[in-house]
Amino acid sequence: MTFAATFKALSDPVRRDILNLLKKGRLSAGDIGAQFDMTGATISYHLKILKKADLVVESREKNYIYYELSTSVLEDLMVWLTDLKGDSHENQ
């Protein structure tokens, strides 16, 4: 995981919407696709970008692929942003 891949993935509003859907729990690719007015191939592309950035993980069960949030990358990003911000009292 690189922050560049993470920020690229987060830069698209559709991918952010997918992440918001997954906050509620894991969903199949079909369930995710049903929430958008776009082709399955386009949804697959967005899911591929999110997977590459390690923001989601997939698991296969029979004929279905399920996606869920990978919170470790989000936690790493939050730690980095908090560290970047620094202590607000340090600069006063």
C-alpha atoms as a PDB file:
ATOM      1  CA  MET A   1       0.000   0.000   0.000  1.00  0.00           C
ATOM      2  CA  THR A   2       1.187   3.442  -0.851  1.00  0.00           C
ATOM      3  CA  PHE A   3      -0.452   6.680   0.116  1.00  0.00           C
ATOM      4  CA  ALA A   4      -0.458   7.643  -3.576  1.00  0.00           C
ATOM      5  CA  ALA A   5      -2.660   4.639  -4.412  1.00  0.00           C
ATOM      6  CA  THR A   6      -4.854   5.378  -1.409  1.00  0.00           C
ATOM      7  CA  PHE A   7      -5.361   9.019  -2.339  1.00  0.00           C
ATOM      8  CA  LYS A   8      -5.995   8.074  -5.974  1.00  0.00           C
ATOM      9  CA  ALA A   9      -8.655   5.620  -4.871  1.00  0.00           C
ATOM     10  CA  LEU A  10     -10.243   8.155  -2.539  1.00  0.00           C
ATOM     11  CA  SER A  11     -10.231  10.903  -5.166  1.00  0.00           C
ATOM     12  CA  ASP A  12     -13.218   9.463  -7.031  1.00  0.00           C
ATOM     13  CA  PRO A  13     -16.710  10.127  -5.614  1.00  0.00           C
ATOM     14  CA  VAL A  14     -18.036   6.729  -6.784  1.00  0.00           C
ATOM     15  CA  ARG A  15     -15.284   4.926  -4.877  1.00  0.00           C
ATOM     16  CA  ARG A  16     -16.006   7.021  -1.783  1.00  0.00           C
ATOM     17  CA  ASP A  17     -19.694   6.071  -2.137  1.00  0.00           C
ATOM     18  CA  ILE A  18     -18.706   2.397  -2.341  1.00  0.00           C
ATOM     19  CA  LEU A  19     -16.668   2.747   0.849  1.00  0.00           C
ATOM     20  CA  ASN A  20     -19.643   4.382   2.562  1.00  0.00           C
ATOM     21  CA  LEU A  21     -21.844   1.454   1.535  1.00  0.00           C
ATOM     22  CA  LEU A  22     -19.300  -0.973   2.980  1.00  0.00           C
ATOM     23  CA  LYS A  23     -19.286   0.826   6.341  1.00  0.00           C
ATOM     24  CA  LYS A  24     -22.501  -1.047   7.079  1.00  0.00           C
ATOM     25  CA  GLY A  25     -20.926  -4.433   6.392  1.00  0.00           C
ATOM     26  CA  ARG A  26     -19.801  -6.678   3.598  1.00  0.00           C
ATOM     27  CA  LEU A  27     -21.683  -6.685   0.319  1.00  0.00           C
ATOM     28  CA  SER A  28     -21.589  -8.740  -2.837  1.00  0.00           C
ATOM     29  CA  ALA A  29     -20.419  -7.132  -6.054  1.00  0.00           C
ATOM     30  CA  GLY A  30     -24.003  -7.371  -7.319  1.00  0.00           C
ATOM     31  CA  ASP A  31     -25.370  -5.594  -4.251  1.00  0.00           C
ATOM     32  CA  ILE A  32     -22.830  -2.810  -4.715  1.00  0.00           C
ATOM     33  CA  GLY A  33     -23.588  -2.518  -8.416  1.00  0.00           C
ATOM     34  CA  ALA A  34     -27.334  -2.288  -7.745  1.00  0.00           C
ATOM     35  CA  GLN A  35     -26.727   1.000  -5.928  1.00  0.00           C
ATOM     36  CA  PHE A  36     -25.318   2.717  -9.023  1.00  0.00           C
ATOM     37  CA  ASP A  37     -26.532   3.498 -12.517  1.00  0.00           C
ATOM     38  CA  MET A  38     -23.473   2.088 -14.293  1.00  0.00           C
ATOM     39  CA  THR A  39     -22.321  -1.123 -15.887  1.00  0.00           C
ATOM     40  CA  GLY A  40     -20.981  -4.059 -13.953  1.00  0.00           C
ATOM     41  CA  ALA A  41     -17.652  -3.578 -15.706  1.00  0.00           C
ATOM     42  CA  THR A  42     -17.430  -0.016 -14.380  1.00  0.00           C
ATOM     43  CA  ILE A  43     -18.219  -1.155 -10.833  1.00  0.00           C
ATOM     44  CA  SER A  44     -15.577  -3.892 -11.194  1.00  0.00           C
ATOM     45  CA  TYR A  45     -13.047  -1.263 -12.260  1.00  0.00           C
ATOM     46  CA  HIS A  46     -13.775   0.843  -9.175  1.00  0.00           C
ATOM     47  CA  LEU A  47     -13.571  -2.203  -6.909  1.00  0.00           C
ATOM     48  CA  LYS A  48     -10.233  -3.139  -8.499  1.00  0.00           C
ATOM     49  CA  ILE A  49      -8.825   0.315  -7.696  1.00  0.00           C
ATOM     50  CA  LEU A  50     -10.073   0.060  -4.107  1.00  0.00           C
ATOM     51  CA  LYS A  51      -8.535  -3.417  -3.772  1.00  0.00           C
ATOM     52  CA  LYS A  52      -5.224  -2.246  -5.215  1.00  0.00           C
ATOM     53  CA  ALA A  53      -5.157   0.508  -2.594  1.00  0.00           C
ATOM     54  CA  ASP A  54      -5.943  -2.100   0.093  1.00  0.00           C
ATOM     55  CA  LEU A  55      -9.065  -0.184   1.085  1.00  0.00           C
ATOM     56  CA  VAL A  56     -11.289  -3.227   0.524  1.00  0.00           C
ATOM     57  CA  VAL A  57     -10.769  -6.960   0.697  1.00  0.00           C
ATOM     58  CA  GLU A  58     -12.674  -9.571  -1.230  1.00  0.00           C
ATOM     59  CA  SER A  59     -13.740 -13.046  -0.312  1.00  0.00           C
ATOM     60  CA  ARG A  60     -15.330 -15.674  -2.524  1.00  0.00           C
ATOM     61  CA  GLU A  61     -18.209 -17.863  -1.477  1.00  0.00           C
ATOM     62  CA  LYS A  62     -19.568 -20.239  -4.103  1.00  0.00           C
ATOM     63  CA  ASN A  63     -20.510 -18.038  -7.085  1.00  0.00           C
ATOM     64  CA  TYR A  64     -20.338 -14.724  -5.228  1.00  0.00           C
ATOM     65  CA  ILE A  65     -17.598 -12.247  -4.445  1.00  0.00           C
ATOM     66  CA  TYR A  66     -18.059 -10.215  -1.281  1.00  0.00           C
ATOM     67  CA  TYR A  67     -16.290  -6.985  -0.422  1.00  0.00           C
ATOM     68  CA  GLU A  68     -15.635  -5.385   2.936  1.00  0.00           C
ATOM     69  CA  LEU A  69     -13.622  -2.491   4.282  1.00  0.00           C
ATOM     70  CA  SER A  70     -10.000  -3.020   5.167  1.00  0.00           C
ATOM     71  CA  THR A  71      -9.701  -0.773   8.178  1.00  0.00           C
ATOM     72  CA  SER A  72      -5.939  -1.178   8.639  1.00  0.00           C
ATOM     73  CA  VAL A  73      -5.131   1.132   5.711  1.00  0.00           C
ATOM     74  CA  LEU A  74      -7.686   3.668   6.898  1.00  0.00           C
ATOM     75  CA  GLU A  75      -6.151   3.559  10.367  1.00  0.00           C
ATOM     76  CA  ASP A  76      -2.652   4.049   8.936  1.00  0.00           C
ATOM     77  CA  LEU A  77      -3.902   7.019   6.944  1.00  0.00           C
ATOM     78  CA  MET A  78      -5.565   8.564  10.011  1.00  0.00           C
ATOM     79  CA  VAL A  79      -2.381   8.162  12.060  1.00  0.00           C
ATOM     80  CA  TRP A  80      -0.341   9.774   9.289  1.00  0.00           C
ATOM     81  CA  LEU A  81      -2.764  12.695   8.926  1.00  0.00           C
ATOM     82  CA  THR A  82      -2.886  13.224  12.685  1.00  0.00           C
ATOM     83  CA  ASP A  83       0.907  13.186  12.828  1.00  0.00           C
ATOM     84  CA  LEU A  84       1.089  15.590   9.899  1.00  0.00           C
ATOM     85  CA  LYS A  85      -1.274  17.971  11.641  1.00  0.00           C
ATOM     86  CA  GLY A  86       0.856  17.818  14.770  1.00  0.00           C
ATOM     87  CA  ASP A  87      -0.084  19.122  18.159  1.00  0.00           C
ATOM     88  CA  SER A  88      -2.009  22.357  17.667  1.00  0.00           C
ATOM     89  CA  HIS A  89      -0.387  23.755  20.808  1.00  0.00           C
ATOM     90  CA  GLU A  90       3.150  23.222  19.507  1.00  0.00           C
ATOM     91  CA  ASN A  91       2.840  26.016  16.930  1.00  0.00           C
ATOM     92  CA  GLN A  92       1.479  28.651  19.302  1.00  0.00           C
END
